[in-house]
C-alpha atoms as a PDB file:
ATOM      1  CA  MET A   1      91.356 -28.601 -71.386  1.00  0.00           C
ATOM      2  CA  ILE A   2      91.465 -28.565 -67.576  1.00  0.00           C
ATOM      3  CA  PRO A   3      93.701 -31.269 -66.084  1.00  0.00           C
ATOM      4  CA  ASP A   4      91.751 -33.904 -64.140  1.00  0.00           C
ATOM      5  CA  THR A   5      93.326 -32.801 -60.861  1.00  0.00           C
ATOM      6  CA  LEU A   6      91.861 -29.295 -61.308  1.00  0.00           C
ATOM      7  CA  ALA A   7      88.455 -30.278 -62.686  1.00  0.00           C
ATOM      8  CA  PRO A   8      85.510 -28.801 -60.757  1.00  0.00           C
ATOM      9  CA  ARG A   9      84.129 -30.979 -57.985  1.00  0.00           C
ATOM     10  CA  ASP A  10      80.409 -31.244 -57.318  1.00  0.00           C
ATOM     11  CA  ARG A  11      80.009 -29.769 -53.811  1.00  0.00           C
ATOM     12  CA  TRP A  12      76.497 -31.070 -53.118  1.00  0.00           C
ATOM     13  CA  GLN A  13      77.316 -34.596 -54.225  1.00  0.00           C
ATOM     14  CA  ALA A  14      80.475 -34.542 -52.103  1.00  0.00           C
ATOM     15  CA  ILE A  15      78.609 -33.200 -49.054  1.00  0.00           C
ATOM     16  CA  GLY A  16      75.899 -35.852 -49.486  1.00  0.00           C
ATOM     17  CA  ARG A  17      78.547 -38.560 -49.583  1.00  0.00           C
ATOM     18  CA  GLY A  18      80.270 -37.043 -46.558  1.00  0.00           C
ATOM     19  CA  LEU A  19      77.006 -36.989 -44.604  1.00  0.00           C
ATOM     20  CA  GLN A  20      76.746 -40.720 -45.365  1.00  0.00           C
ATOM     21  CA  CYS A  21      80.298 -41.105 -43.964  1.00  0.00           C
ATOM     22  CA  ARG A  22      81.591 -42.160 -47.385  1.00  0.00           C
ATOM     23  CA  CYS A  23      84.526 -40.926 -49.449  1.00  0.00           C
ATOM     24  CA  PRO A  24      83.512 -37.649 -51.128  1.00  0.00           C
ATOM     25  CA  ALA A  25      85.519 -38.557 -54.239  1.00  0.00           C
ATOM     26  CA  CYS A  26      84.110 -41.997 -55.080  1.00  0.00           C
ATOM     27  CA  GLY A  27      81.217 -42.491 -52.635  1.00  0.00           C
ATOM     28  CA  GLN A  28      82.285 -46.081 -51.952  1.00  0.00           C
ATOM     29  CA  GLY A  29      85.047 -46.138 -49.340  1.00  0.00           C
ATOM     30  CA  LYS A  30      84.517 -45.458 -45.651  1.00  0.00           C
ATOM     31  CA  LEU A  31      85.469 -41.966 -44.474  1.00  0.00           C
ATOM     32  CA  PHE A  32      86.022 -42.927 -40.819  1.00  0.00           C
ATOM     33  CA  GLY A  33      88.121 -45.690 -39.293  1.00  0.00           C
ATOM     34  CA  LYS A  34      86.906 -44.962 -35.761  1.00  0.00           C
ATOM     35  CA  PHE A  35      84.010 -42.839 -34.493  1.00  0.00           C
ATOM     36  CA  LEU A  36      85.533 -39.435 -35.347  1.00  0.00           C
ATOM     37  CA  LYS A  37      88.919 -40.499 -36.754  1.00  0.00           C
ATOM     38  CA  PRO A  38      89.025 -40.160 -40.557  1.00  0.00           C
ATOM     39  CA  VAL A  39      90.927 -42.789 -42.500  1.00  0.00           C
ATOM     40  CA  ALA A  40      94.280 -41.706 -43.935  1.00  0.00           C
ATOM     41  CA  GLN A  41      93.117 -42.588 -47.436  1.00  0.00           C
ATOM     42  CA  CYS A  42      90.113 -44.125 -49.156  1.00  0.00           C
ATOM     43  CA  ALA A  43      90.355 -47.905 -49.472  1.00  0.00           C
ATOM     44  CA  ASN A  44      88.480 -47.743 -52.786  1.00  0.00           C
ATOM     45  CA  CYS A  45      89.983 -44.823 -54.747  1.00  0.00           C
ATOM     46  CA  GLY A  46      93.057 -43.912 -52.685  1.00  0.00           C
ATOM     47  CA  GLU A  47      92.002 -40.281 -51.990  1.00  0.00           C
ATOM     48  CA  ASP A  48      94.226 -38.846 -49.249  1.00  0.00           C
ATOM     49  CA  PHE A  49      92.373 -37.453 -46.208  1.00  0.00           C
ATOM     50  CA  THR A  50      95.366 -36.531 -44.062  1.00  0.00           C
ATOM     51  CA  ALA A  51      94.874 -32.916 -45.220  1.00  0.00           C
ATOM     52  CA  GLN A  52      91.458 -32.511 -43.578  1.00  0.00           C
ATOM     53  CA  ARG A  53      91.189 -29.947 -40.801  1.00  0.00           C
ATOM     54  CA  ALA A  54      87.609 -30.121 -39.555  1.00  0.00           C
ATOM     55  CA  ASP A  55      88.693 -29.212 -35.995  1.00  0.00           C
ATOM     56  CA  ASP A  56      85.892 -27.534 -33.984  1.00  0.00           C
ATOM     57  CA  PHE A  57      83.497 -26.737 -36.817  1.00  0.00           C
ATOM     58  CA  PRO A  58      81.443 -29.999 -36.724  1.00  0.00           C
ATOM     59  CA  PRO A  59      80.615 -29.707 -32.987  1.00  0.00           C
ATOM     60  CA  TYR A  60      79.767 -26.044 -33.507  1.00  0.00           C
ATOM     61  CA  LEU A  61      77.339 -26.961 -36.294  1.00  0.00           C
ATOM     62  CA  VAL A  62      75.761 -29.728 -34.191  1.00  0.00           C
ATOM     63  CA  ILE A  63      75.233 -27.324 -31.283  1.00  0.00           C
ATOM     64  CA  LEU A  64      73.823 -24.680 -33.623  1.00  0.00           C
ATOM     65  CA  ILE A  65      71.389 -27.090 -35.277  1.00  0.00           C
ATOM     66  CA  LEU A  66      70.264 -28.796 -32.063  1.00  0.00           C
ATOM     67  CA  GLY A  67      69.836 -25.483 -30.267  1.00  0.00           C
ATOM     68  CA  HIS A  68      67.639 -24.058 -33.008  1.00  0.00           C
ATOM     69  CA  VAL A  69      65.551 -27.216 -33.336  1.00  0.00           C
ATOM     70  CA  LEU A  70      65.187 -28.237 -29.697  1.00  0.00           C
ATOM     71  CA  ALA A  71      64.786 -24.836 -27.976  1.00  0.00           C
ATOM     72  CA  PRO A  72      61.324 -24.134 -29.436  1.00  0.00           C
ATOM     73  CA  ILE A  73      60.283 -27.721 -28.714  1.00  0.00           C
ATOM     74  CA  ALA A  74      61.461 -27.413 -25.107  1.00  0.00           C
ATOM     75  CA  VAL A  75      59.581 -24.135 -24.658  1.00  0.00           C
ATOM     76  CA  GLY A  76      56.440 -25.687 -26.151  1.00  0.00           C
ATOM     77  CA  VAL A  77      56.628 -28.740 -23.882  1.00  0.00           C
ATOM     78  CA  GLU A  78      57.162 -26.526 -20.830  1.00  0.00           C
ATOM     79  CA  MET A  79      54.231 -24.288 -21.688  1.00  0.00           C
ATOM     80  CA  ALA A  80      51.853 -27.123 -22.580  1.00  0.00           C
ATOM     81  CA  TYR A  81      52.618 -29.737 -19.906  1.00  0.00           C
ATOM     82  CA  HIS A  82      54.551 -28.018 -17.058  1.00  0.00           C
ATOM     83  CA  PRO A  83      56.616 -31.140 -16.266  1.00  0.00           C
ATOM     84  CA  PRO A  84      58.593 -31.304 -12.991  1.00  0.00           C
ATOM     85  CA  MET A  85      61.977 -29.620 -13.392  1.00  0.00           C
ATOM     86  CA  TRP A  86      63.957 -32.787 -12.599  1.00  0.00           C
ATOM     87  CA  ALA A  87      62.048 -34.844 -15.188  1.00  0.00           C
ATOM     88  CA  PHE A  88      62.351 -32.144 -17.823  1.00  0.00           C
ATOM     89  CA  ALA A  89      66.080 -31.675 -17.201  1.00  0.00           C
ATOM     90  CA  LEU A  90      66.779 -35.410 -17.247  1.00  0.00           C
ATOM     91  CA  THR A  91      64.746 -36.077 -20.386  1.00  0.00           C
ATOM     92  CA  ALA A  92      66.049 -33.057 -22.269  1.00  0.00           C
ATOM     93  CA  SER A  93      69.658 -33.854 -21.348  1.00  0.00           C
ATOM     94  CA  LEU A  94      69.371 -37.426 -22.571  1.00  0.00           C
ATOM     95  CA  ILE A  95      67.712 -36.339 -25.820  1.00  0.00           C
ATOM     96  CA  VAL A  96      70.398 -33.717 -26.490  1.00  0.00           C
ATOM     97  CA  ILE A  97      73.266 -36.117 -25.749  1.00  0.00           C
ATOM     98  CA  VAL A  98      71.869 -38.894 -27.955  1.00  0.00           C
ATOM     99  CA  LEU A  99      71.064 -36.565 -30.856  1.00  0.00           C
ATOM    100  CA  ALA A 100      74.467 -34.851 -30.631  1.00  0.00           C
ATOM    101  CA  LEU A 101      76.284 -38.188 -30.725  1.00  0.00           C
ATOM    102  CA  LEU A 102      74.172 -39.366 -33.665  1.00  0.00           C
ATOM    103  CA  MET A 103      74.774 -36.147 -35.610  1.00  0.00           C
ATOM    104  CA  LEU A 104      78.473 -35.571 -34.937  1.00  0.00           C
ATOM    105  CA  GLN A 105      80.011 -38.140 -37.306  1.00  0.00           C
ATOM    106  CA  PRO A 106      77.818 -37.335 -40.338  1.00  0.00           C
ATOM    107  CA  VAL A 107      78.321 -33.599 -39.829  1.00  0.00           C
ATOM    108  CA  LYS A 108      82.091 -34.070 -39.618  1.00  0.00           C
ATOM    109  CA  GLY A 109      81.918 -36.147 -42.807  1.00  0.00           C
ATOM    110  CA  GLY A 110      80.029 -33.321 -44.491  1.00  0.00           C
ATOM    111  CA  VAL A 111      82.615 -30.754 -43.377  1.00  0.00           C
ATOM    112  CA  ILE A 112      85.493 -32.917 -44.640  1.00  0.00           C
ATOM    113  CA  ALA A 113      83.649 -33.396 -47.936  1.00  0.00           C
ATOM    114  CA  LEU A 114      83.092 -29.635 -48.244  1.00  0.00           C
ATOM    115  CA  GLN A 115      86.816 -29.073 -47.706  1.00  0.00           C
ATOM    116  CA  TRP A 116      87.609 -31.685 -50.349  1.00  0.00           C
ATOM    117  CA  ALA A 117      85.123 -30.289 -52.889  1.00  0.00           C
ATOM    118  CA  GLY A 118      86.339 -26.727 -52.355  1.00  0.00           C
ATOM    119  CA  ARG A 119      89.990 -27.795 -52.571  1.00  0.00           C
ATOM    120  CA  MET A 120      90.620 -26.118 -49.235  1.00  0.00           C
ATOM    121  CA  GLY A 121      94.019 -26.341 -47.606  1.00  0.00           C
ATOM    122  CA  ASP A 122      96.034 -29.339 -48.728  1.00  0.00           C
ATOM    123  CA  PHE A 123      93.086 -30.670 -50.778  1.00  0.00           C
ATOM    124  CA  ALA A 124      94.050 -28.091 -53.446  1.00  0.00           C
ATOM    125  CA  ALA A 125      95.884 -30.628 -55.602  1.00  0.00           C
END
């Protein structure tokens, strides 16, 4: 029998919990104490999150996703309506900033959850 500490972890369930900014282990405790600062450990199950190393990957994913979603929309708006450059730049900038800020925390939670589920780095135990 596999010891409980080495039992397989459901990656998709963990990522879903991470995207909800919840503990990937129990799904109950908060994953973040501040906007992008993960808690040291889950208040519900005690899972240690000091091992997480999300670093630059969450912002990279946010940029990748937003670029692929918003670029075709921006081209379509430009071709269909020909808005003044200043209005287009101002509107597009505000949309990108707001969406990036809304996406960053859930994406970081998903990355931390993926690390936890895959037992990457110090999550191996």
